[in-house]
Amino acid sequence: MNKKSASHARRKTAPPISSAAAAAGPHVRTHSLAVRAYLEIRNQILKGELPVGMALARRKLAAALNISVPPVSEALQRLEREGLVESKPRVGTRVRIPTRQDIEDRSLVREALETQAARLFAERATAAEKKELRQMGRRVDQLYAACEKSSDDREFLFSVNTYHMKLHLHIAECARCPALRDAIEKEQVLIFNWLYDTAVERRSLASDYHSRLTDILARNTPAQADAAMRQHIRHGLQEVLSGLARMDDTENGWRQKKYPKQPRP
């Protein structure tokens, strides 16, 4: 993804409602708007445009998306069920900052699912699929290296994380176990990994971080593929937990980032 394509992505606007949905009546239109609001808000969270701990005002979000408040409320309820936002009575709704327990639990689920996917990939993937995975691994490493030079370009970072998730889904798809692939999507383990990386600004990785993983999955035994994926996930977990130390609880029970104290003038 180059700067030109990133700039093009930035200019894209939210898709209009289809004519079929518009003709189907207010219930379908509201549902379509709620889906659109859900995707827009979720993407802004994953980009860091709505950072962890940020208050989410329904009316402001509705105005920004040029829609009414009810679809936004429905979208926020869905995001809350999925664990991306949280609400408190008389306080409001905010982007959820995960606790250490949240991160460790999600990592355990991810490890259980993705190590099995890695094992099955080593057993079942074709030679062409393994070659493609190795190419994707090298490409992900190149993109993460470019992140260090484009750290302020949220659209570029979003495209890098999107491609990174595509790599992991490729492993699951080539495992040829639809139930396993569906479980990875349903549990949103890759989405939460993305959110945690964004929250702690985890961007600097070893130059061959993903190449090493994909080479082992493509060339070695199922047991070695399992071990490599396990090590890959646990290494990322420790970096995220270290980043979590920059956050603390506020007096009202909400978590927020710790920022260095500014010197007094």
Protein backbone atom coordinates (compact mmCIF):
# COMPACT_ATOMS: atom_id res chain seq x y z
CA MET A 1 0.00 0.00 0.00
CA ASN A 2 1.64 3.24 -1.10
CA LYS A 3 0.87 6.83 -0.10
CA LYS A 4 -1.19 7.38 -3.25
CA SER A 5 -3.53 4.49 -2.49
CA ALA A 6 -3.70 5.51 1.17
CA SER A 7 -4.73 9.02 0.14
CA HIS A 8 -7.35 7.54 -2.18
CA ALA A 9 -8.75 5.46 0.69
CA ARG A 10 -8.95 8.56 2.86
CA ARG A 11 -11.13 10.33 0.31
CA LYS A 12 -13.65 7.50 0.17
CA THR A 13 -16.98 8.25 1.81
CA ALA A 14 -19.45 5.92 3.47
CA PRO A 15 -21.46 3.89 0.94
CA PRO A 16 -24.99 5.08 0.21
CA ILE A 17 -27.99 2.95 1.10
CA SER A 18 -28.97 0.64 -1.72
CA SER A 19 -32.15 1.39 -3.66
CA ALA A 20 -33.52 -2.02 -2.65
CA ALA A 21 -33.12 -1.18 1.03
CA ALA A 22 -34.63 2.26 0.50
CA ALA A 23 -37.68 0.70 -1.13
CA ALA A 24 -38.11 -1.97 1.53
CA GLY A 25 -39.43 0.29 4.24
CA PRO A 26 -38.23 2.10 7.37
CA HIS A 27 -37.29 -1.04 9.33
CA VAL A 28 -34.89 -2.26 6.64
CA ARG A 29 -33.54 1.25 6.11
CA THR A 30 -32.85 1.61 9.84
CA HIS A 31 -31.13 -1.79 9.88
CA SER A 32 -28.96 -0.81 6.91
CA LEU A 33 -28.03 2.46 8.59
CA ALA A 34 -27.20 0.61 11.82
CA VAL A 35 -24.86 -1.74 9.94
CA ARG A 36 -23.20 1.20 8.25
CA ALA A 37 -22.85 3.04 11.57
CA TYR A 38 -21.43 -0.11 13.19
CA LEU A 39 -18.77 -0.52 10.49
CA GLU A 40 -17.86 3.18 10.46
CA ILE A 41 -17.52 3.43 14.24
CA ARG A 42 -15.65 0.13 14.50
CA ASN A 43 -13.21 1.21 11.80
CA GLN A 44 -12.61 4.53 13.54
CA ILE A 45 -11.85 2.63 16.75
CA LEU A 46 -9.44 0.30 14.94
CA LYS A 47 -7.75 3.26 13.26
CA GLY A 48 -7.32 5.00 16.61
CA GLU A 49 -9.44 7.94 15.49
CA LEU A 50 -11.71 7.04 18.41
CA PRO A 51 -9.00 6.03 20.90
CA VAL A 52 -9.50 3.82 23.91
CA GLY A 53 -11.21 5.70 26.72
CA MET A 54 -12.82 8.28 24.45
CA ALA A 55 -16.42 9.24 25.22
CA LEU A 56 -18.89 8.43 22.46
CA ALA A 57 -21.75 10.89 22.14
CA ARG A 58 -24.58 9.46 20.07
CA ARG A 59 -25.72 12.80 18.65
CA LYS A 60 -22.23 13.81 17.60
CA LEU A 61 -21.63 10.45 15.95
CA ALA A 62 -24.98 10.65 14.17
CA ALA A 63 -24.18 14.14 12.88
CA ALA A 64 -20.74 13.04 11.68
CA LEU A 65 -22.26 10.07 9.84
CA ASN A 66 -25.19 12.17 8.57
CA ILE A 67 -27.79 9.78 9.97
CA SER A 68 -30.30 9.80 12.82
CA VAL A 69 -29.54 8.77 16.41
CA PRO A 70 -31.42 5.39 16.58
CA PRO A 71 -29.09 3.56 14.12
CA VAL A 72 -26.08 4.89 16.03
CA SER A 73 -27.56 3.65 19.31
CA GLU A 74 -28.12 0.22 17.75
CA ALA A 75 -24.55 0.18 16.45
CA LEU A 76 -23.14 1.10 19.87
CA GLN A 77 -25.20 -1.63 21.54
CA ARG A 78 -23.71 -4.17 19.14
CA LEU A 79 -20.18 -2.85 19.76
CA GLU A 80 -20.81 -3.10 23.49
CA ARG A 81 -21.95 -6.73 23.16
CA GLU A 82 -18.75 -7.44 21.24
CA GLY A 83 -16.60 -5.79 23.89
CA LEU A 84 -15.29 -2.82 21.91
CA VAL A 85 -17.19 -0.16 23.89
CA GLU A 86 -18.61 0.05 27.40
CA SER A 87 -21.41 2.01 29.04
CA LYS A 88 -22.11 3.14 32.58
CA PRO A 89 -25.33 4.66 33.94
CA ARG A 90 -25.14 8.45 34.27
CA VAL A 91 -21.62 8.38 32.80
CA GLY A 92 -22.13 7.47 29.17
CA THR A 93 -20.49 5.27 26.56
CA ARG A 94 -16.78 5.09 25.85
CA VAL A 95 -14.35 3.07 23.80
CA ARG A 96 -13.40 0.25 26.12
CA ILE A 97 -9.85 0.07 27.43
CA PRO A 98 -9.17 -3.61 28.05
CA THR A 99 -8.03 -4.91 31.40
CA ARG A 100 -5.10 -7.27 31.72
CA GLN A 101 -7.60 -10.10 32.24
CA ASP A 102 -9.43 -9.15 29.01
CA ILE A 103 -6.21 -9.32 27.00
CA GLU A 104 -5.00 -12.58 28.54
CA ASP A 105 -8.38 -14.27 28.05
CA ARG A 106 -8.65 -13.18 24.42
CA SER A 107 -5.09 -14.33 23.81
CA LEU A 108 -5.87 -17.78 25.21
CA VAL A 109 -8.83 -18.13 22.86
CA ARG A 110 -6.76 -16.89 19.93
CA GLU A 111 -3.94 -19.29 20.75
CA ALA A 112 -6.30 -22.27 20.93
CA LEU A 113 -7.86 -21.46 17.56
CA GLU A 114 -4.86 -20.27 15.59
CA THR A 115 -2.42 -22.97 16.68
CA GLN A 116 -4.91 -25.54 15.44
CA ALA A 117 -5.28 -23.60 12.19
CA ALA A 118 -1.48 -23.56 11.81
CA ARG A 119 -1.28 -27.31 12.39
CA LEU A 120 -3.99 -28.03 9.80
CA PHE A 121 -2.43 -25.57 7.34
CA ALA A 122 0.85 -27.50 7.48
CA GLU A 123 -1.07 -30.73 6.81
CA ARG A 124 -3.60 -29.62 4.20
CA ALA A 125 -2.47 -26.52 2.33
CA THR A 126 -1.39 -26.96 -1.28
CA ALA A 127 2.06 -26.02 -2.53
CA ALA A 128 0.57 -22.93 -4.20
CA GLU A 129 -1.17 -21.85 -0.98
CA LYS A 130 2.04 -22.29 1.00
CA LYS A 131 3.95 -20.23 -1.54
CA GLU A 132 1.32 -17.50 -1.32
CA LEU A 133 1.52 -17.49 2.49
CA ARG A 134 5.29 -17.02 2.40
CA GLN A 135 4.86 -14.10 0.00
CA MET A 136 2.24 -12.58 2.29
CA GLY A 137 4.58 -12.95 5.28
CA ARG A 138 7.33 -11.01 3.54
CA ARG A 139 4.81 -8.36 2.44
CA VAL A 140 3.48 -7.89 5.98
CA ASP A 141 7.04 -7.37 7.26
CA GLN A 142 7.65 -4.77 4.55
CA LEU A 143 4.43 -2.96 5.44
CA TYR A 144 5.23 -2.89 9.16
CA ALA A 145 8.69 -1.51 8.35
CA ALA A 146 6.99 1.25 6.35
CA CYS A 147 4.76 2.00 9.36
CA GLU A 148 7.74 3.44 11.19
CA LYS A 149 8.02 6.11 8.46
CA SER A 150 4.24 6.68 8.20
CA SER A 151 3.27 6.47 11.87
CA ASP A 152 0.86 9.41 11.60
CA ASP A 153 -0.96 8.12 8.50
CA ARG A 154 -3.96 6.36 10.02
CA GLU A 155 -5.32 5.22 6.66
CA PHE A 156 -2.01 3.55 5.83
CA LEU A 157 -1.85 1.90 9.26
CA PHE A 158 -5.42 0.70 8.76
CA SER A 159 -4.49 -0.87 5.42
CA VAL A 160 -1.47 -2.59 7.01
CA ASN A 161 -3.59 -4.08 9.79
CA THR A 162 -6.21 -5.14 7.25
CA TYR A 163 -3.56 -7.01 5.25
CA HIS A 164 -2.14 -8.53 8.44
CA MET A 165 -5.58 -9.90 9.31
CA LYS A 166 -5.90 -11.23 5.75
CA LEU A 167 -2.69 -13.24 6.26
CA HIS A 168 -4.05 -14.92 9.38
CA LEU A 169 -7.40 -15.63 7.72
CA HIS A 170 -5.53 -17.19 4.77
CA ILE A 171 -4.02 -19.69 7.21
CA ALA A 172 -7.46 -20.49 8.62
CA GLU A 173 -9.07 -20.83 5.18
CA CYS A 174 -6.34 -23.15 3.89
CA ALA A 175 -6.75 -25.33 6.99
CA ARG A 176 -9.93 -26.55 5.24
CA CYS A 177 -12.01 -26.62 8.39
CA PRO A 178 -14.93 -24.19 7.91
CA ALA A 179 -16.01 -24.51 11.54
CA LEU A 180 -12.56 -23.45 12.73
CA ARG A 181 -12.45 -20.52 10.32
CA ASP A 182 -15.94 -19.45 11.45
CA ALA A 183 -14.90 -19.67 15.11
CA ILE A 184 -11.94 -17.37 14.48
CA GLU A 185 -14.29 -14.84 12.91
CA LYS A 186 -17.06 -15.26 15.49
CA GLU A 187 -14.72 -14.82 18.46
CA GLN A 188 -13.15 -11.82 16.68
CA VAL A 189 -9.71 -12.81 17.96
CA LEU A 190 -8.02 -10.99 15.08
CA ILE A 191 -10.11 -7.84 15.58
CA PHE A 192 -9.19 -7.70 19.26
CA ASN A 193 -5.53 -8.32 18.46
CA TRP A 194 -5.77 -5.36 16.06
CA LEU A 195 -7.45 -3.21 18.72
CA TYR A 196 -4.82 -4.04 21.34
CA ASP A 197 -1.97 -3.29 18.94
CA THR A 198 -3.59 0.05 18.11
CA ALA A 199 -4.26 0.88 21.77
CA VAL A 200 -0.62 0.39 22.81
CA GLU A 201 0.75 1.67 19.47
CA ARG A 202 2.58 -1.58 18.74
CA ARG A 203 4.15 -0.99 15.32
CA SER A 204 7.85 -1.81 15.52
CA LEU A 205 8.44 -5.51 14.83
CA ALA A 206 11.49 -7.52 13.86
CA SER A 207 12.21 -7.24 10.13
CA ASP A 208 11.42 -10.95 9.62
CA TYR A 209 8.72 -11.32 12.31
CA HIS A 210 6.06 -12.71 9.97
CA SER A 211 8.44 -14.20 7.40
CA ARG A 212 9.81 -16.57 10.03
CA LEU A 213 6.31 -17.67 11.00
CA THR A 214 5.08 -18.24 7.46
CA ASP A 215 8.26 -20.07 6.42
CA ILE A 216 7.79 -22.56 9.27
CA LEU A 217 4.11 -23.08 8.47
CA ALA A 218 4.92 -23.63 4.80
CA ARG A 219 7.95 -25.89 5.19
CA ASN A 220 7.76 -27.76 8.48
CA THR A 221 5.70 -30.35 10.32
CA PRO A 222 2.29 -29.71 11.91
CA ALA A 223 3.86 -29.84 15.38
CA GLN A 224 6.47 -27.25 14.41
CA ALA A 225 3.78 -25.06 12.85
CA ASP A 226 1.76 -25.28 16.07
CA ALA A 227 4.78 -24.29 18.17
CA ALA A 228 5.69 -21.39 15.88
CA MET A 229 2.19 -19.92 15.98
CA ARG A 230 2.05 -20.31 19.76
CA GLN A 231 5.35 -18.47 20.16
CA HIS A 232 4.19 -15.77 17.70
CA ILE A 233 1.00 -15.10 19.68
CA ARG A 234 2.66 -15.16 23.10
CA HIS A 235 5.39 -12.75 22.02
CA GLY A 236 2.73 -10.29 20.86
CA LEU A 237 0.84 -10.75 24.13
CA GLN A 238 3.81 -9.72 26.24
CA GLU A 239 4.35 -6.57 24.18
CA VAL A 240 0.68 -5.61 24.53
CA LEU A 241 0.72 -6.22 28.29
CA SER A 242 3.81 -4.05 28.59
CA GLY A 243 1.97 -1.30 26.71
CA LEU A 244 -1.00 -1.69 29.03
CA ALA A 245 1.24 -0.50 31.88
CA ARG A 246 0.95 2.98 30.36
CA MET A 247 -2.71 3.00 31.31
CA ASP A 248 -4.29 3.31 34.73
CA ASP A 249 -7.66 3.47 36.47
CA THR A 250 -9.25 6.83 37.10
CA GLU A 251 -11.17 7.60 40.26
CA ASN A 252 -14.53 6.91 38.66
CA GLY A 253 -13.48 3.42 37.56
CA TRP A 254 -12.81 4.23 33.91
CA ARG A 255 -9.42 3.50 32.48
CA GLN A 256 -7.43 6.06 30.53
CA LYS A 257 -3.96 6.52 29.13
CA LYS A 258 -1.20 7.83 31.34
CA TYR A 259 0.48 10.78 29.72
CA PRO A 260 3.77 12.33 30.87
CA LYS A 261 3.27 15.35 33.10
CA GLN A 262 3.80 18.59 31.27
CA PRO A 263 6.35 20.95 32.83
CA ARG A 264 4.86 24.00 34.48
CA PRO A 265 5.42 27.27 32.61
